[in-house]
Amino acid sequence: MNPIVKDVLLQLQQPGNTSITLPAGFNFGFDVIDYAADNHDKTAYIEVSTDGQEITTHSFSELKQRSNRAASALLNAGTQRGDFAVVVLPRIPEWYEIIIGCAKAGVVSMPGTNLLTAKDIKYRITKAAATTVVVTPEHVEKIEEIRAQCPTLKHCIVVNSTTPLTNGWLDYENILTAASDTFPRKPNSSSDLLMAYFTSGTTADPKLVPRDHSYALAHLTTGAFWLDQNPNDIHWTLSDTGWAKAAWGMLFAPWLLDSTMVLFNGSGFDPDLHLNLIKKLGVTTFCAPPTVFRIFAQMDLSPYDLNSIRHTVSAGEPLNPEVIRIWESSTGTTIHDGYGQTETVNIVANRPGLEVRHGSMGKSVPGFHVDVIDDDGNPVDTDEIGHIGLKLTDPRPIGLFSGYYDGPTQRDTKDFKNGWYYTGDTATRDTDGYIWFVGRSDDIISSAGYRISPFEVESVLLEHPDVVESAVVGKPDAVRGHIVKAFVVLKEGATASEELTLQIQDFVKKTTAPYKYPREISYRDSLPKTISGKIRRVELRNEV
């Protein structure tokens, strides 16, 4: 095992230890990727083509050389240490090369989803004063559209271009070929910026979350206590490269523990192809969002050989028991929920060896003290709704951001108070310390003295056979303060009617506490969402 990783893991395994010391000059590119290449070279990742037919293995030594060239190419192009670089690439090898190359060169990468519009990209460049963009050809026109409005943008690089480039655009493969495959290490501090992600912006504009070099190493908690990684694993996380989930399951956590990863270069979601690839690739650990497991649960899984899977994880929202039962009967593995944010690493999980309570996120993972607290930082009573808080310690909890980025010398730190980091999410805690997610703090509905989780009501609505999607908000009411209002998208063939509204309301009353039922239901063809697919309840609240 990597000696740096081993030292941190030993600290985390000490019962009750929340004072974890990380090395002062850690750099993931040199200390993990290059260490693996030089000491126990193996397959780092398996590249799979869109149709699943072409499978290519890539070793750590290849990744070391290509990321060295990427680091050199960035600096040769004029990007400087400390500069921000927007990286909008799909799941292709170049994403790994550039992200790790940025780490080695001291350039702050800002991964973005391929769904970004020109306006979205402009917002990101402006917010961070980015000097560089690295994109695929379909984004070149977007950059040109906003380029004159982004005075800090100086260097534009395109990956996999098939046409002649103009207006100063650089071809990635050309500048890579001209660069050296060795790159001298320059000292950095673990507190220097490594990368930055934007939040999904469900309640306001996306916030810029800066992450330092220690963040990469802190994902050891994610790999060891949630993903349950080891050197024999082939791990597959389903995620877009533009979201922090990719850093969790497609970058840092598995490689810290010497696993091999799957890099599937496919757009959209083909459940049949994904299920067949699990067998074809020998996937042993699998991470997917709840939506994927719900789709699988509607299929006949008996034709698929899923026996290679030994550990399954999911996060984002609770899964209903039937979905969990179907997956367990097909794979022999239960689905382990977990919790963390763009601002943290994995801090709560149904970790290996812990009894799984379906619907619960689990308990604090080693190295953290997470609790459900009130506005003053006091633990709330059992089963009472409160804020999910991460206790601030000295040294600081590993992997915890230092505040939202408002410029090189400015950070928004208002979420740090009373000795806690307030995550902005709410939950309850049962008698055994398991934490049960409720929803975003801004979304909680206060109605006639009750505190109601939109998330819980939405989950019940989705169990109704005619409902495809749902979103719940509080509507001001003179008597109750607020009432529960639901926005519902019906499945094909279902028709909105007063009779259906009554049926849905009765269904919710019978499935959960009666006071939680939606007193108003509006039917829509679609729901407003962020580019990450999360519902923007803030828009719906503005409608009521």
Protein backbone atom coordinates (compact mmCIF):
# COMPACT_ATOMS: atom_id res chain seq x y z
CA MET A 1 0.00 0.00 0.00
CA ASN A 2 1.08 3.54 -0.72
CA PRO A 3 2.89 4.67 2.50
CA ILE A 4 1.11 8.05 2.62
CA VAL A 5 -2.27 6.35 2.26
CA LYS A 6 -1.33 3.72 4.83
CA ASP A 7 -0.39 6.35 7.41
CA VAL A 8 -3.68 8.24 7.04
CA LEU A 9 -5.71 5.03 7.04
CA LEU A 10 -4.10 3.94 10.31
CA GLN A 11 -5.09 7.28 11.87
CA LEU A 12 -8.67 6.90 10.64
CA GLN A 13 -8.90 3.39 12.04
CA GLN A 14 -8.17 4.60 15.58
CA PRO A 15 -11.57 4.56 17.32
CA GLY A 16 -12.98 8.03 17.90
CA ASN A 17 -10.05 9.85 16.30
CA THR A 18 -11.22 13.05 14.58
CA SER A 19 -7.80 14.74 14.63
CA ILE A 20 -6.30 13.44 11.40
CA THR A 21 -2.94 14.82 10.28
CA LEU A 22 -2.24 14.94 6.55
CA PRO A 23 1.18 15.45 4.93
CA ALA A 24 2.07 19.08 4.31
CA GLY A 25 3.06 18.81 0.65
CA PHE A 26 0.70 16.20 -0.81
CA ASN A 27 0.06 16.15 -4.56
CA PHE A 28 -2.22 13.44 -5.95
CA GLY A 29 -0.54 13.43 -9.34
CA PHE A 30 2.93 12.71 -8.00
CA ASP A 31 2.15 10.90 -4.73
CA VAL A 32 -0.53 8.53 -6.00
CA ILE A 33 -0.48 8.24 -9.81
CA ASP A 34 3.29 8.39 -10.26
CA TYR A 35 3.89 6.28 -7.14
CA ALA A 36 1.64 3.55 -8.56
CA ALA A 37 3.36 3.75 -11.95
CA ASP A 38 6.83 3.44 -10.40
CA ASN A 39 6.10 0.83 -7.73
CA HIS A 40 3.29 -1.49 -8.79
CA ASP A 41 2.20 -0.58 -12.29
CA LYS A 42 -1.16 -2.07 -13.27
CA THR A 43 -4.32 -1.14 -15.15
CA ALA A 44 -5.50 2.24 -13.90
CA TYR A 45 -8.71 2.35 -15.90
CA ILE A 46 -10.65 0.49 -18.56
CA GLU A 47 -11.91 2.66 -21.40
CA VAL A 48 -15.18 1.49 -22.96
CA SER A 49 -16.57 2.90 -26.20
CA THR A 50 -20.09 4.25 -26.53
CA ASP A 51 -21.44 1.00 -28.00
CA GLY A 52 -19.55 -1.12 -25.47
CA GLN A 53 -17.64 -2.98 -28.19
CA GLU A 54 -14.19 -1.40 -27.93
CA ILE A 55 -12.39 -1.98 -24.63
CA THR A 56 -8.95 -0.48 -23.99
CA THR A 57 -6.88 -0.76 -20.83
CA HIS A 58 -4.69 2.11 -19.66
CA SER A 59 -1.87 1.62 -17.16
CA PHE A 60 -0.67 3.93 -14.42
CA SER A 61 2.64 4.32 -16.28
CA GLU A 62 0.81 5.53 -19.38
CA LEU A 63 -1.25 7.91 -17.26
CA LYS A 64 1.93 9.20 -15.62
CA GLN A 65 3.52 10.02 -18.97
CA ARG A 66 0.37 11.51 -20.54
CA SER A 67 -0.39 13.66 -17.49
CA ASN A 68 3.24 14.85 -17.47
CA ARG A 69 2.83 15.92 -21.08
CA ALA A 70 -0.49 17.61 -20.24
CA ALA A 71 1.17 19.54 -17.39
CA SER A 72 4.00 20.66 -19.66
CA ALA A 73 1.60 21.53 -22.49
CA LEU A 74 -0.54 23.74 -20.25
CA LEU A 75 2.46 25.73 -19.05
CA ASN A 76 3.92 25.90 -22.56
CA ALA A 77 0.60 27.32 -23.78
CA GLY A 78 0.89 30.16 -21.28
CA THR A 79 -1.27 28.94 -18.41
CA GLN A 80 0.47 29.70 -15.12
CA ARG A 81 0.55 28.07 -11.71
CA GLY A 82 -2.46 29.22 -9.73
CA ASP A 83 -4.57 29.96 -12.82
CA PHE A 84 -8.07 28.52 -13.09
CA ALA A 85 -8.87 26.33 -16.09
CA VAL A 86 -12.41 25.37 -17.12
CA VAL A 87 -12.37 21.73 -18.29
CA VAL A 88 -15.50 20.58 -20.15
CA LEU A 89 -14.90 17.07 -21.42
CA PRO A 90 -16.93 13.87 -21.53
CA ARG A 91 -15.75 10.54 -20.11
CA ILE A 92 -12.64 10.23 -22.28
CA PRO A 93 -8.98 9.55 -21.35
CA GLU A 94 -8.07 13.19 -21.94
CA TRP A 95 -10.20 14.15 -18.94
CA TYR A 96 -7.93 12.12 -16.66
CA GLU A 97 -4.78 13.40 -18.35
CA ILE A 98 -5.74 17.05 -18.03
CA ILE A 99 -7.15 16.91 -14.49
CA ILE A 100 -4.03 15.14 -13.21
CA GLY A 101 -1.79 17.32 -15.40
CA CYS A 102 -3.35 20.40 -13.82
CA ALA A 103 -2.61 18.98 -10.36
CA LYS A 104 1.04 18.48 -11.26
CA ALA A 105 1.37 21.91 -12.89
CA GLY A 106 -0.34 23.78 -10.06
CA VAL A 107 -3.24 24.81 -12.31
CA VAL A 108 -6.68 24.84 -10.66
CA SER A 109 -9.00 22.68 -12.77
CA MET A 110 -12.72 23.45 -12.86
CA PRO A 111 -14.54 20.45 -14.32
CA GLY A 112 -17.86 21.26 -15.97
CA THR A 113 -20.66 19.11 -17.34
CA ASN A 114 -21.12 18.82 -21.10
CA LEU A 115 -24.62 20.25 -20.63
CA LEU A 116 -23.24 23.72 -19.88
CA THR A 117 -24.55 26.51 -22.08
CA ALA A 118 -22.51 29.49 -23.27
CA LYS A 119 -24.07 31.51 -20.46
CA ASP A 120 -23.09 28.85 -17.91
CA ILE A 121 -19.50 28.79 -19.13
CA LYS A 122 -19.29 32.59 -19.05
CA TYR A 123 -20.54 32.57 -15.44
CA ARG A 124 -17.81 30.09 -14.45
CA ILE A 125 -15.00 31.88 -16.26
CA THR A 126 -16.02 35.20 -14.74
CA LYS A 127 -16.54 33.89 -11.22
CA ALA A 128 -13.04 32.40 -11.06
CA ALA A 129 -11.27 34.81 -13.44
CA ALA A 130 -10.25 31.72 -15.40
CA THR A 131 -7.49 32.11 -18.00
CA THR A 132 -7.89 28.78 -19.79
CA VAL A 133 -10.58 26.53 -21.26
CA VAL A 134 -10.17 22.95 -22.39
CA VAL A 135 -13.17 21.66 -24.34
CA THR A 136 -14.29 19.31 -27.11
CA PRO A 137 -15.33 20.70 -30.54
CA GLU A 138 -19.04 21.04 -29.74
CA HIS A 139 -18.20 23.73 -27.17
CA VAL A 140 -15.93 25.86 -29.36
CA GLU A 141 -18.85 27.89 -30.74
CA LYS A 142 -20.11 28.51 -27.19
CA ILE A 143 -16.71 29.86 -26.15
CA GLU A 144 -16.54 32.11 -29.20
CA GLU A 145 -19.99 33.46 -28.36
CA ILE A 146 -18.88 34.73 -24.94
CA ARG A 147 -15.14 35.17 -25.44
CA ALA A 148 -15.23 38.95 -25.85
CA GLN A 149 -17.12 39.19 -22.54
CA CYS A 150 -14.44 37.24 -20.64
CA PRO A 151 -11.34 39.47 -20.47
CA THR A 152 -9.37 37.00 -18.31
CA LEU A 153 -9.67 34.19 -20.87
CA LYS A 154 -6.40 33.87 -22.79
CA HIS A 155 -5.82 30.23 -23.69
CA CYS A 156 -8.28 28.00 -25.55
CA ILE A 157 -7.54 24.31 -26.09
CA VAL A 158 -9.71 21.84 -28.00
CA VAL A 159 -9.60 18.05 -27.63
CA ASN A 160 -10.30 15.66 -30.54
CA SER A 161 -10.70 18.38 -33.14
CA THR A 162 -11.18 17.16 -36.73
CA THR A 163 -11.16 20.55 -38.46
CA PRO A 164 -8.52 23.30 -38.87
CA LEU A 165 -8.39 25.64 -35.89
CA THR A 166 -8.48 29.43 -36.05
CA ASN A 167 -8.61 32.42 -33.71
CA GLY A 168 -5.81 31.16 -31.49
CA TRP A 169 -7.32 27.78 -30.62
CA LEU A 170 -4.75 25.10 -29.78
CA ASP A 171 -5.09 21.43 -30.68
CA TYR A 172 -4.61 19.34 -27.55
CA GLU A 173 -2.89 16.39 -29.20
CA ASN A 174 -0.48 18.68 -31.07
CA ILE A 175 0.64 20.55 -27.98
CA LEU A 176 0.82 17.26 -26.07
CA THR A 177 3.10 15.72 -28.70
CA ALA A 178 5.40 18.73 -28.49
CA ALA A 179 5.61 18.50 -24.69
CA SER A 180 7.96 16.41 -22.53
CA ASP A 181 6.78 13.17 -20.92
CA THR A 182 8.80 14.05 -17.82
CA PHE A 183 7.72 16.85 -15.53
CA PRO A 184 9.82 18.14 -12.64
CA ARG A 185 7.99 18.30 -9.35
CA LYS A 186 7.75 21.72 -7.76
CA PRO A 187 6.85 21.87 -4.07
CA ASN A 188 3.27 22.72 -3.22
CA SER A 189 1.37 23.00 0.03
CA SER A 190 -1.51 20.67 0.76
CA SER A 191 -3.53 23.86 1.31
CA ASP A 192 -2.85 25.16 -2.22
CA LEU A 193 -5.85 24.99 -4.52
CA LEU A 194 -6.16 21.81 -6.56
CA MET A 195 -9.54 22.11 -8.27
CA ALA A 196 -12.93 23.75 -7.92
CA TYR A 197 -16.47 22.55 -8.48
CA PHE A 198 -19.69 24.49 -8.76
CA THR A 199 -22.70 23.48 -6.70
CA SER A 200 -25.79 22.47 -8.66
CA GLY A 201 -27.71 25.65 -7.85
CA THR A 202 -31.07 24.26 -6.72
CA THR A 203 -31.89 27.25 -4.48
CA ALA A 204 -29.69 30.02 -5.93
CA ASP A 205 -26.89 30.62 -8.43
CA PRO A 206 -24.22 27.91 -8.36
CA LYS A 207 -21.49 28.55 -5.79
CA LEU A 208 -17.80 27.99 -6.47
CA VAL A 209 -16.34 25.44 -4.07
CA PRO A 210 -12.52 25.56 -3.97
CA ARG A 211 -10.75 22.30 -3.03
CA ASP A 212 -7.11 22.08 -2.00
CA HIS A 213 -4.62 19.26 -2.55
CA SER A 214 -5.49 17.65 0.79
CA TYR A 215 -9.05 17.10 -0.52
CA ALA A 216 -7.82 14.38 -2.85
CA LEU A 217 -6.20 12.46 0.01
CA ALA A 218 -9.22 12.99 2.27
CA HIS A 219 -11.24 10.88 -0.15
CA LEU A 220 -9.60 7.92 1.52
CA THR A 221 -12.68 8.01 3.78
CA THR A 222 -14.85 7.67 0.67
CA GLY A 223 -12.86 4.78 -0.73
CA ALA A 224 -12.30 2.84 2.48
CA PHE A 225 -15.55 3.35 4.38
CA TRP A 226 -18.18 3.69 1.68
CA LEU A 227 -16.93 2.33 -1.66
CA ASP A 228 -14.97 -0.40 0.21
CA GLN A 229 -12.11 -0.44 -2.29
CA ASN A 230 -9.11 -2.76 -2.53
CA PRO A 231 -6.44 -3.45 -5.19
CA ASN A 232 -8.43 -6.35 -6.67
CA ASP A 233 -11.49 -4.26 -7.39
CA ILE A 234 -12.82 -3.04 -10.71
CA HIS A 235 -14.94 -0.06 -9.76
CA TRP A 236 -17.64 1.65 -11.81
CA THR A 237 -19.25 4.93 -10.76
CA LEU A 238 -21.95 6.32 -13.03
CA SER A 239 -21.39 10.07 -13.11
CA ASP A 240 -20.87 13.00 -15.43
CA THR A 241 -17.31 14.34 -15.27
CA GLY A 242 -18.63 17.80 -14.42
CA TRP A 243 -19.84 16.95 -10.93
CA ALA A 244 -18.03 16.34 -7.66
CA LYS A 245 -19.38 12.77 -7.69
CA ALA A 246 -16.81 12.11 -10.42
CA ALA A 247 -14.02 13.22 -8.08
CA TRP A 248 -15.42 10.82 -5.48
CA GLY A 249 -15.86 7.67 -7.54
CA MET A 250 -14.06 8.22 -10.86
CA LEU A 251 -10.84 9.84 -9.67
CA PHE A 252 -9.55 10.02 -6.12
CA ALA A 253 -11.12 7.38 -3.88
CA PRO A 254 -10.55 4.21 -5.96
CA TRP A 255 -7.00 5.11 -7.01
CA LEU A 256 -5.95 5.90 -3.44
CA LEU A 257 -6.61 2.21 -2.75
CA ASP A 258 -5.14 0.93 -6.05
CA SER A 259 -8.43 -0.11 -7.67
CA THR A 260 -9.03 -0.21 -11.41
CA MET A 261 -11.82 2.02 -12.71
CA VAL A 262 -14.24 1.88 -15.62
CA LEU A 263 -14.38 4.89 -17.94
CA PHE A 264 -17.48 4.47 -20.10
CA ASN A 265 -17.61 6.98 -22.95
CA GLY A 266 -21.33 6.86 -23.50
CA SER A 267 -24.03 9.51 -23.54
CA GLY A 268 -27.48 8.81 -22.21
CA PHE A 269 -28.32 5.67 -20.30
CA ASP A 270 -28.86 2.27 -21.90
CA PRO A 271 -29.76 -0.09 -19.01
CA ASP A 272 -29.29 -3.25 -21.08
CA LEU A 273 -25.80 -2.19 -22.18
CA HIS A 274 -24.80 -1.20 -18.64
CA LEU A 275 -25.97 -4.48 -17.15
CA ASN A 276 -24.14 -6.50 -19.79
CA LEU A 277 -20.95 -4.49 -19.28
CA ILE A 278 -20.92 -5.40 -15.58
CA LYS A 279 -20.39 -9.03 -16.56
CA LYS A 280 -18.10 -8.24 -19.51
CA LEU A 281 -15.74 -6.06 -17.45
CA GLY A 282 -15.94 -8.05 -14.21
CA VAL A 283 -17.15 -5.06 -12.19
CA THR A 284 -16.85 -5.79 -8.46
CA THR A 285 -17.98 -2.51 -6.89
CA PHE A 286 -20.76 -0.43 -8.41
CA CYS A 287 -22.07 3.06 -7.64
CA ALA A 288 -25.13 4.55 -9.32
CA PRO A 289 -27.74 7.21 -8.53
CA PRO A 290 -31.15 6.09 -7.21
CA THR A 291 -32.79 6.71 -10.60
CA VAL A 292 -30.66 3.97 -12.16
CA PHE A 293 -31.63 1.40 -9.55
CA ARG A 294 -35.30 2.30 -10.01
CA ILE A 295 -34.94 1.63 -13.74
CA PHE A 296 -33.22 -1.69 -13.07
CA ALA A 297 -36.00 -2.66 -10.67
CA GLN A 298 -38.55 -2.32 -13.47
CA MET A 299 -36.64 -4.80 -15.63
CA ASP A 300 -36.37 -8.55 -15.64
CA LEU A 301 -32.82 -8.93 -14.31
CA SER A 302 -32.70 -12.71 -14.53
CA PRO A 303 -30.96 -12.80 -17.96
CA TYR A 304 -28.03 -10.76 -16.65
CA ASP A 305 -25.02 -12.21 -14.86
CA LEU A 306 -24.29 -9.77 -12.03
CA ASN A 307 -22.41 -12.18 -9.81
CA SER A 308 -19.12 -10.29 -10.07
CA ILE A 309 -20.54 -7.46 -7.93
CA ARG A 310 -19.58 -7.72 -4.27
CA HIS A 311 -20.47 -4.20 -3.06
CA THR A 312 -23.08 -1.64 -4.19
CA VAL A 313 -23.52 1.99 -3.17
CA SER A 314 -25.92 4.82 -3.94
CA ALA A 315 -26.53 8.35 -2.69
CA GLY A 316 -28.77 11.34 -3.20
CA GLU A 317 -32.10 10.11 -1.89
CA PRO A 318 -33.47 7.02 -0.14
CA LEU A 319 -34.55 4.04 -2.20
CA ASN A 320 -37.80 2.27 -1.43
CA PRO A 321 -37.51 -1.27 0.00
CA GLU A 322 -38.79 -3.01 -3.14
CA VAL A 323 -36.00 -1.58 -5.31
CA ILE A 324 -33.42 -2.64 -2.72
CA ARG A 325 -34.94 -6.14 -2.49
CA ILE A 326 -34.86 -6.64 -6.27
CA TRP A 327 -31.23 -5.58 -6.55
CA GLU A 328 -30.21 -7.74 -3.60
CA SER A 329 -31.95 -10.81 -5.03
CA SER A 330 -30.10 -10.29 -8.35
CA THR A 331 -26.62 -9.53 -7.02
CA GLY A 332 -26.53 -10.77 -3.43
CA THR A 333 -25.50 -7.26 -2.36
CA THR A 334 -27.50 -4.66 -0.48
CA ILE A 335 -27.32 -1.01 -1.53
CA HIS A 336 -25.23 1.07 0.88
CA ASP A 337 -26.41 4.67 1.08
CA GLY A 338 -24.01 7.46 1.98
CA TYR A 339 -23.83 11.21 2.35
CA GLY A 340 -21.49 14.04 1.54
CA GLN A 341 -21.45 17.21 -0.50
CA THR A 342 -19.41 19.12 -3.04
CA GLU A 343 -18.11 20.89 0.09
CA THR A 344 -16.98 17.67 1.83
CA VAL A 345 -15.89 14.12 1.22
CA ASN A 346 -18.02 11.16 2.33
CA ILE A 347 -18.89 11.90 5.98
CA VAL A 348 -21.88 9.60 6.66
CA ALA A 349 -22.35 6.09 5.32
CA ASN A 350 -23.78 2.65 5.75
CA ARG A 351 -20.18 1.53 5.88
CA PRO A 352 -19.03 -2.08 5.49
CA GLY A 353 -19.63 -4.06 8.67
CA LEU A 354 -22.39 -1.73 9.85
CA GLU A 355 -25.98 -2.99 9.85
CA VAL A 356 -27.76 -1.35 6.92
CA ARG A 357 -31.04 0.34 7.76
CA HIS A 358 -32.79 0.96 4.49
CA GLY A 359 -33.70 4.61 4.05
CA SER A 360 -30.96 5.76 6.43
CA MET A 361 -27.71 7.37 5.30
CA GLY A 362 -25.94 5.46 8.07
CA LYS A 363 -23.60 6.91 10.69
CA SER A 364 -20.54 9.16 10.76
CA VAL A 365 -17.57 7.58 9.02
CA PRO A 366 -14.25 7.39 10.89
CA GLY A 367 -12.51 10.74 11.19
CA PHE A 368 -15.70 12.80 11.52
CA HIS A 369 -18.29 13.73 14.12
CA VAL A 370 -21.57 14.35 12.30
CA ASP A 371 -24.77 15.04 14.24
CA VAL A 372 -28.24 16.51 13.89
CA ILE A 373 -28.21 19.92 15.61
CA ASP A 374 -30.38 22.99 16.23
CA ASP A 375 -29.74 26.62 15.27
CA ASP A 376 -27.45 27.04 18.29
CA GLY A 377 -25.33 23.96 17.66
CA ASN A 378 -26.99 21.70 20.24
CA PRO A 379 -27.92 18.10 19.36
CA VAL A 380 -31.66 17.77 18.82
CA ASP A 381 -33.79 15.07 20.43
CA THR A 382 -34.21 11.63 18.89
CA ASP A 383 -36.38 11.68 15.73
CA GLU A 384 -36.54 15.49 15.74
CA ILE A 385 -35.68 17.34 12.52
CA GLY A 386 -32.50 19.39 12.74
CA HIS A 387 -29.52 20.56 10.69
CA ILE A 388 -26.89 18.07 9.55
CA GLY A 389 -23.72 19.44 11.14
CA LEU A 390 -20.07 18.46 10.89
CA LYS A 391 -18.15 19.22 14.10
CA LEU A 392 -15.21 21.56 13.58
CA THR A 393 -12.01 20.16 15.08
CA ASP A 394 -8.35 21.06 15.33
CA PRO A 395 -6.87 20.11 12.97
CA ARG A 396 -9.77 20.87 10.65
CA PRO A 397 -11.88 17.90 9.47
CA ILE A 398 -10.17 16.45 6.42
CA GLY A 399 -11.80 17.17 3.09
CA LEU A 400 -13.89 20.05 4.42
CA PHE A 401 -13.80 23.16 2.22
CA SER A 402 -12.75 26.49 3.70
CA GLY A 403 -15.62 28.60 2.34
CA TYR A 404 -17.19 29.49 -1.00
CA TYR A 405 -14.84 31.28 -3.39
CA ASP A 406 -15.50 34.99 -3.86
CA GLY A 407 -12.03 35.87 -5.11
CA PRO A 408 -8.42 35.07 -4.23
CA THR A 409 -8.62 36.66 -0.78
CA GLN A 410 -12.36 36.39 -0.06
CA ARG A 411 -14.38 33.42 1.17
CA ASP A 412 -18.03 33.12 2.20
CA THR A 413 -17.85 31.31 5.55
CA LYS A 414 -21.29 32.02 7.05
CA ASP A 415 -22.08 28.28 7.21
CA PHE A 416 -19.36 27.82 9.85
CA LYS A 417 -20.79 28.73 13.27
CA ASN A 418 -21.25 27.46 16.81
CA GLY A 419 -18.33 25.08 16.34
CA TRP A 420 -20.02 23.31 13.41
CA TYR A 421 -20.20 23.36 9.64
CA TYR A 422 -23.90 23.61 8.79
CA THR A 423 -24.39 21.59 5.60
CA GLY A 424 -27.68 23.23 4.66
CA ASP A 425 -29.38 19.84 4.81
CA THR A 426 -31.74 18.53 7.48
CA ALA A 427 -32.19 15.09 8.97
CA THR A 428 -33.35 13.12 11.98
CA ARG A 429 -31.32 10.78 14.21
CA ASP A 430 -32.76 7.57 15.63
CA THR A 431 -32.04 6.00 19.02
CA ASP A 432 -29.04 4.10 17.65
CA GLY A 433 -27.42 7.11 16.00
CA TYR A 434 -28.45 6.40 12.40
CA ILE A 435 -29.07 9.57 10.40
CA TRP A 436 -32.14 9.89 8.16
CA PHE A 437 -32.11 12.55 5.44
CA VAL A 438 -35.07 14.98 5.36
CA GLY A 439 -34.18 17.68 2.81
CA ARG A 440 -32.56 21.03 2.20
CA SER A 441 -33.03 23.46 5.09
CA ASP A 442 -34.59 26.04 2.74
CA ASP A 443 -37.13 23.49 1.51
CA ILE A 444 -38.65 22.39 4.84
CA ILE A 445 -42.37 23.16 4.98
CA SER A 446 -43.86 24.41 8.24
CA SER A 447 -47.59 23.64 8.25
CA ALA A 448 -49.92 23.94 11.26
CA GLY A 449 -47.02 23.31 13.63
CA TYR A 450 -45.64 20.34 11.67
CA ARG A 451 -42.29 20.34 9.87
CA ILE A 452 -42.65 18.45 6.61
CA SER A 453 -39.91 17.21 4.31
CA PRO A 454 -40.67 17.80 0.61
CA PHE A 455 -38.27 14.97 -0.11
CA GLU A 456 -40.38 12.48 1.85
CA VAL A 457 -43.65 13.51 0.19
CA GLU A 458 -42.02 13.38 -3.25
CA SER A 459 -40.78 9.87 -2.56
CA VAL A 460 -44.31 8.74 -1.70
CA LEU A 461 -45.77 10.42 -4.77
CA LEU A 462 -43.31 8.53 -6.96
CA GLU A 463 -44.72 5.27 -5.65
CA HIS A 464 -48.10 6.09 -7.19
CA PRO A 465 -48.44 4.14 -10.48
CA ASP A 466 -49.48 7.22 -12.50
CA VAL A 467 -46.68 9.54 -11.33
CA VAL A 468 -43.36 9.83 -13.18
CA GLU A 469 -41.89 12.89 -11.46
CA SER A 470 -42.89 15.08 -8.55
CA ALA A 471 -41.78 18.20 -6.72
CA VAL A 472 -43.21 19.54 -3.46
CA VAL A 473 -43.06 23.07 -2.04
CA GLY A 474 -44.82 25.03 0.69
CA LYS A 475 -47.57 27.43 -0.38
CA PRO A 476 -48.41 30.30 2.00
CA ASP A 477 -51.73 29.78 3.79
CA ALA A 478 -53.51 32.16 6.16
CA VAL A 479 -54.57 29.39 8.55
CA ARG A 480 -51.77 26.81 8.47
CA GLY A 481 -48.82 29.05 7.64
CA HIS A 482 -48.09 26.88 4.63
CA ILE A 483 -49.75 23.96 2.90
CA VAL A 484 -48.09 21.20 0.91
CA LYS A 485 -48.36 21.82 -2.83
CA ALA A 486 -47.24 19.20 -5.31
CA PHE A 487 -46.23 19.56 -8.94
CA VAL A 488 -46.67 16.25 -10.73
CA VAL A 489 -45.65 14.84 -14.11
CA LEU A 490 -47.85 11.93 -15.12
CA LYS A 491 -46.79 8.82 -16.98
CA GLU A 492 -47.78 8.44 -20.61
CA GLY A 493 -51.45 7.50 -20.88
CA ALA A 494 -52.51 8.97 -17.54
CA THR A 495 -54.84 11.97 -17.62
CA ALA A 496 -55.06 14.75 -15.09
CA SER A 497 -58.45 15.03 -13.43
CA GLU A 498 -60.09 15.95 -10.16
CA GLU A 499 -60.70 12.26 -9.57
CA LEU A 500 -57.00 11.45 -10.02
CA THR A 501 -56.07 14.26 -7.65
CA LEU A 502 -58.26 12.75 -4.95
CA GLN A 503 -56.77 9.31 -5.59
CA ILE A 504 -53.21 10.63 -5.28
CA GLN A 505 -54.08 12.54 -2.11
CA ASP A 506 -55.64 9.45 -0.54
CA PHE A 507 -52.62 7.39 -1.59
CA VAL A 508 -50.24 9.79 0.21
CA LYS A 509 -52.46 9.85 3.32
CA LYS A 510 -52.39 6.06 3.52
CA THR A 511 -48.66 5.73 2.76
CA THR A 512 -47.33 8.34 5.16
CA ALA A 513 -48.62 10.56 7.96
CA PRO A 514 -51.96 12.10 6.83
CA TYR A 515 -50.89 15.68 7.60
CA LYS A 516 -48.19 15.41 4.92
CA TYR A 517 -50.53 14.96 1.97
CA PRO A 518 -50.53 17.64 -0.78
CA ARG A 519 -53.60 19.82 -0.39
CA GLU A 520 -53.00 21.15 -3.89
CA ILE A 521 -51.68 19.29 -6.94
CA SER A 522 -50.71 20.91 -10.24
CA TYR A 523 -49.98 18.78 -13.29
CA ARG A 524 -47.13 19.70 -15.61
CA ASP A 525 -45.37 18.30 -18.65
CA SER A 526 -41.96 18.82 -17.01
CA LEU A 527 -40.28 20.26 -13.92
CA PRO A 528 -37.63 23.01 -13.81
CA LYS A 529 -34.20 21.50 -13.22
CA THR A 530 -30.56 22.42 -12.93
CA ILE A 531 -28.13 21.16 -15.54
CA SER A 532 -27.29 18.35 -13.12
CA GLY A 533 -30.91 17.19 -13.19
CA LYS A 534 -31.88 18.38 -9.71
CA ILE A 535 -35.28 20.00 -9.30
CA ARG A 536 -35.21 23.78 -8.80
CA ARG A 537 -37.86 24.12 -6.11
CA VAL A 538 -36.97 27.79 -5.83
CA GLU A 539 -38.67 28.37 -9.21
CA LEU A 540 -41.73 26.43 -8.14
CA ARG A 541 -41.98 28.38 -4.87
CA ASN A 542 -41.96 31.57 -6.90
CA GLU A 543 -44.99 30.30 -8.82
CA VAL A 544 -47.15 29.79 -5.73
